[in-house]
Amino acid sequence: MSQTNTCSRCQARWTAADVCHCNGCHHTFSSLTAFEAHRRANTCRTPHETGLVLLGRTYPCYGRPTKTTAPWLNPAGNNTPGAA
């Protein structure tokens, strides 16, 4: 059973243990690498500025785009994460 984590300031919720949530901009990131990509000179950059995309999880979570997705996760079959 996975633990649900919650930010007390924005009420965001996530379950993965390796997910990072930013206390500055309150975006949630899929990994420390994605989190660090959005921080430059102690300033938050938007996920779009850093090339991060929503990963299609049950909660908003940004990470690096993947080149392909499993066909059962992408019924349109166009290999664009999150497309339907």
N, C-alpha and C. Protein backbone atom coordinates (compact mmCIF):
# COMPACT_ATOMS: atom_id res chain seq x y z
N MET A 1 0.84 -1.18 0.00
CA MET A 1 0.00 0.00 0.00
C MET A 1 0.89 1.25 0.00
N SER A 2 0.60 2.20 -0.89
CA SER A 2 1.42 3.39 -0.97
C SER A 2 0.87 4.49 -0.06
N GLN A 3 1.78 5.30 0.42
CA GLN A 3 1.43 6.40 1.30
C GLN A 3 1.01 7.60 0.47
N THR A 4 -0.05 8.29 0.86
CA THR A 4 -0.46 9.53 0.20
C THR A 4 0.17 10.70 0.93
N ASN A 5 0.88 11.53 0.18
CA ASN A 5 1.50 12.73 0.72
C ASN A 5 0.66 13.94 0.33
N THR A 6 0.61 14.94 1.19
CA THR A 6 -0.19 16.14 0.94
C THR A 6 0.61 17.38 1.32
N CYS A 7 0.56 18.41 0.46
CA CYS A 7 1.16 19.70 0.79
C CYS A 7 0.16 20.46 1.65
N SER A 8 0.60 20.93 2.80
CA SER A 8 -0.30 21.64 3.71
C SER A 8 -0.67 23.03 3.22
N ARG A 9 0.08 23.57 2.27
CA ARG A 9 -0.21 24.92 1.78
C ARG A 9 -1.12 24.93 0.56
N CYS A 10 -0.96 23.98 -0.36
CA CYS A 10 -1.77 24.00 -1.58
C CYS A 10 -2.70 22.79 -1.70
N GLN A 11 -2.58 21.85 -0.77
CA GLN A 11 -3.41 20.64 -0.73
C GLN A 11 -3.15 19.68 -1.89
N ALA A 12 -2.04 19.84 -2.61
CA ALA A 12 -1.68 18.87 -3.66
C ALA A 12 -1.43 17.52 -3.00
N ARG A 13 -1.75 16.44 -3.70
CA ARG A 13 -1.55 15.08 -3.20
C ARG A 13 -0.78 14.27 -4.22
N TRP A 14 0.08 13.38 -3.73
CA TRP A 14 0.84 12.47 -4.59
C TRP A 14 1.17 11.23 -3.80
N THR A 15 1.48 10.15 -4.50
CA THR A 15 1.70 8.87 -3.83
C THR A 15 3.08 8.28 -4.03
N ALA A 16 3.76 8.61 -5.10
CA ALA A 16 5.06 7.99 -5.38
C ALA A 16 6.13 8.51 -4.41
N ALA A 17 6.97 7.62 -3.95
CA ALA A 17 8.00 7.97 -2.96
C ALA A 17 9.08 8.87 -3.55
N ASP A 18 9.35 8.77 -4.85
CA ASP A 18 10.43 9.55 -5.45
C ASP A 18 9.96 10.87 -6.06
N VAL A 19 8.72 11.24 -5.84
CA VAL A 19 8.16 12.49 -6.36
C VAL A 19 8.63 13.66 -5.51
N CYS A 20 8.86 14.82 -6.15
CA CYS A 20 9.27 16.04 -5.44
C CYS A 20 8.20 17.10 -5.63
N HIS A 21 7.84 17.76 -4.56
CA HIS A 21 6.86 18.85 -4.62
C HIS A 21 7.56 20.14 -4.20
N CYS A 22 7.40 21.19 -5.01
CA CYS A 22 8.09 22.45 -4.74
C CYS A 22 7.27 23.33 -3.80
N ASN A 23 7.89 23.76 -2.71
CA ASN A 23 7.23 24.65 -1.76
C ASN A 23 7.14 26.08 -2.27
N GLY A 24 7.83 26.39 -3.38
CA GLY A 24 7.78 27.73 -3.95
C GLY A 24 6.63 27.90 -4.92
N CYS A 25 6.60 27.08 -5.97
CA CYS A 25 5.58 27.20 -7.02
C CYS A 25 4.46 26.19 -6.87
N HIS A 26 4.65 25.20 -6.02
CA HIS A 26 3.67 24.16 -5.73
C HIS A 26 3.34 23.26 -6.91
N HIS A 27 4.31 23.09 -7.82
CA HIS A 27 4.18 22.06 -8.84
C HIS A 27 4.80 20.78 -8.28
N THR A 28 4.34 19.64 -8.80
CA THR A 28 4.84 18.35 -8.39
C THR A 28 5.63 17.75 -9.55
N PHE A 29 6.78 17.15 -9.24
CA PHE A 29 7.70 16.64 -10.26
C PHE A 29 7.95 15.15 -10.06
N SER A 30 8.17 14.45 -11.15
CA SER A 30 8.30 12.99 -11.12
C SER A 30 9.60 12.51 -10.50
N SER A 31 10.60 13.38 -10.40
CA SER A 31 11.90 12.96 -9.87
C SER A 31 12.68 14.18 -9.38
N LEU A 32 13.76 13.91 -8.68
CA LEU A 32 14.64 14.99 -8.25
C LEU A 32 15.24 15.70 -9.46
N THR A 33 15.55 14.95 -10.51
CA THR A 33 16.11 15.55 -11.73
C THR A 33 15.14 16.54 -12.35
N ALA A 34 13.86 16.17 -12.44
CA ALA A 34 12.85 17.08 -13.00
C ALA A 34 12.68 18.29 -12.09
N PHE A 35 12.67 18.07 -10.78
CA PHE A 35 12.55 19.18 -9.83
C PHE A 35 13.72 20.15 -10.00
N GLU A 36 14.94 19.62 -10.06
CA GLU A 36 16.12 20.48 -10.19
C GLU A 36 16.15 21.22 -11.53
N ALA A 37 15.57 20.62 -12.57
CA ALA A 37 15.53 21.29 -13.88
C ALA A 37 14.69 22.56 -13.82
N HIS A 38 13.70 22.60 -12.95
CA HIS A 38 12.82 23.78 -12.88
C HIS A 38 13.39 24.87 -11.97
N ARG A 39 14.46 24.59 -11.24
CA ARG A 39 15.06 25.59 -10.34
C ARG A 39 16.37 26.11 -10.92
N ARG A 40 16.48 27.41 -11.07
CA ARG A 40 17.73 28.03 -11.50
C ARG A 40 17.92 29.30 -10.68
N ALA A 41 19.09 29.45 -10.08
CA ALA A 41 19.42 30.62 -9.26
C ALA A 41 18.36 30.87 -8.19
N ASN A 42 17.96 29.79 -7.54
CA ASN A 42 16.95 29.85 -6.46
C ASN A 42 15.62 30.42 -6.92
N THR A 43 15.29 30.24 -8.18
CA THR A 43 14.03 30.72 -8.75
C THR A 43 13.33 29.58 -9.46
N CYS A 44 12.02 29.51 -9.31
CA CYS A 44 11.24 28.51 -10.02
C CYS A 44 11.00 28.96 -11.46
N ARG A 45 11.18 28.03 -12.39
CA ARG A 45 10.81 28.26 -13.78
C ARG A 45 9.58 27.41 -14.06
N THR A 46 8.78 27.80 -15.01
CA THR A 46 7.58 27.02 -15.31
C THR A 46 7.99 25.69 -15.95
N PRO A 47 7.15 24.67 -15.79
CA PRO A 47 7.47 23.40 -16.45
C PRO A 47 7.67 23.57 -17.96
N HIS A 48 6.87 24.43 -18.58
CA HIS A 48 7.00 24.66 -20.02
C HIS A 48 8.38 25.22 -20.37
N GLU A 49 8.88 26.15 -19.58
CA GLU A 49 10.21 26.74 -19.83
C GLU A 49 11.32 25.70 -19.80
N THR A 50 11.14 24.66 -19.02
CA THR A 50 12.18 23.65 -18.85
C THR A 50 11.95 22.40 -19.69
N GLY A 51 10.90 22.40 -20.50
CA GLY A 51 10.62 21.26 -21.36
C GLY A 51 9.92 20.10 -20.66
N LEU A 52 9.38 20.35 -19.48
CA LEU A 52 8.67 19.30 -18.74
C LEU A 52 7.21 19.27 -19.16
N VAL A 53 6.61 18.10 -19.10
CA VAL A 53 5.21 17.92 -19.49
C VAL A 53 4.47 17.17 -18.40
N LEU A 54 3.14 17.29 -18.41
CA LEU A 54 2.31 16.49 -17.51
C LEU A 54 2.42 15.03 -17.95
N LEU A 55 2.55 14.15 -16.98
CA LEU A 55 2.81 12.74 -17.30
C LEU A 55 1.57 11.86 -17.34
N GLY A 56 0.40 12.41 -17.09
CA GLY A 56 -0.82 11.61 -17.18
C GLY A 56 -1.06 10.73 -15.98
N ARG A 57 -0.53 11.11 -14.84
CA ARG A 57 -0.79 10.37 -13.60
C ARG A 57 -2.15 10.79 -13.05
N THR A 58 -2.58 10.16 -11.98
CA THR A 58 -3.86 10.52 -11.38
C THR A 58 -3.80 11.85 -10.65
N TYR A 59 -2.62 12.41 -10.52
CA TYR A 59 -2.42 13.74 -9.93
C TYR A 59 -1.50 14.52 -10.87
N PRO A 60 -1.58 15.86 -10.89
CA PRO A 60 -0.71 16.63 -11.78
C PRO A 60 0.76 16.44 -11.41
N CYS A 61 1.54 15.92 -12.33
CA CYS A 61 2.95 15.63 -12.08
C CYS A 61 3.73 15.86 -13.37
N TYR A 62 4.77 16.69 -13.27
CA TYR A 62 5.57 17.04 -14.43
C TYR A 62 6.86 16.22 -14.48
N GLY A 63 7.28 15.88 -15.70
CA GLY A 63 8.52 15.16 -15.92
C GLY A 63 8.95 15.31 -17.36
N ARG A 64 10.03 14.64 -17.71
CA ARG A 64 10.54 14.68 -19.09
C ARG A 64 9.58 13.93 -20.00
N PRO A 65 9.34 14.45 -21.21
CA PRO A 65 8.47 13.73 -22.14
C PRO A 65 9.12 12.42 -22.57
N THR A 66 8.29 11.44 -22.83
CA THR A 66 8.78 10.16 -23.33
C THR A 66 8.57 10.10 -24.83
N LYS A 67 9.42 9.35 -25.51
CA LYS A 67 9.31 9.25 -26.97
C LYS A 67 8.15 8.36 -27.39
N THR A 68 7.83 7.38 -26.58
CA THR A 68 6.71 6.50 -26.88
C THR A 68 5.93 6.23 -25.61
N THR A 69 4.70 5.85 -25.79
CA THR A 69 3.89 5.43 -24.66
C THR A 69 3.27 4.09 -25.01
N ALA A 70 2.89 3.37 -24.00
CA ALA A 70 2.24 2.08 -24.24
C ALA A 70 0.89 2.35 -24.93
N PRO A 71 0.53 1.57 -25.94
CA PRO A 71 -0.70 1.84 -26.69
C PRO A 71 -1.95 1.83 -25.82
N TRP A 72 -1.97 1.04 -24.76
CA TRP A 72 -3.16 1.01 -23.91
C TRP A 72 -3.28 2.26 -23.04
N LEU A 73 -2.19 3.04 -22.93
CA LEU A 73 -2.26 4.31 -22.21
C LEU A 73 -2.59 5.47 -23.14
N ASN A 74 -2.47 5.27 -24.44
CA ASN A 74 -2.67 6.32 -25.42
C ASN A 74 -3.54 5.77 -26.56
N PRO A 75 -4.88 5.78 -26.35
CA PRO A 75 -5.76 5.16 -27.35
C PRO A 75 -5.67 5.79 -28.73
N ALA A 76 -5.24 7.05 -28.85
CA ALA A 76 -5.14 7.68 -30.17
C ALA A 76 -3.99 7.11 -30.97
N GLY A 77 -3.01 6.51 -30.28
CA GLY A 77 -1.90 5.88 -30.95
C GLY A 77 -0.92 6.85 -31.59
N ASN A 78 -0.91 8.09 -31.14
CA ASN A 78 -0.02 9.07 -31.77
C ASN A 78 1.27 9.30 -30.99
N ASN A 79 1.51 8.48 -29.95
CA ASN A 79 2.74 8.52 -29.17
C ASN A 79 3.02 9.88 -28.52
N THR A 80 1.99 10.66 -28.26
CA THR A 80 2.13 11.91 -27.53
C THR A 80 1.61 11.71 -26.12
N PRO A 81 2.46 11.83 -25.10
CA PRO A 81 1.98 11.63 -23.74
C PRO A 81 0.81 12.53 -23.41
N GLY A 82 -0.21 11.92 -22.84
CA GLY A 82 -1.38 12.67 -22.42
C GLY A 82 -2.38 12.94 -23.52
N ALA A 83 -2.07 12.57 -24.77
CA ALA A 83 -3.02 12.82 -25.85
C ALA A 83 -4.09 11.75 -25.84
N ALA A 84 -5.26 12.12 -26.28
CA ALA A 84 -6.35 11.15 -26.34
C ALA A 84 -7.02 11.21 -27.68
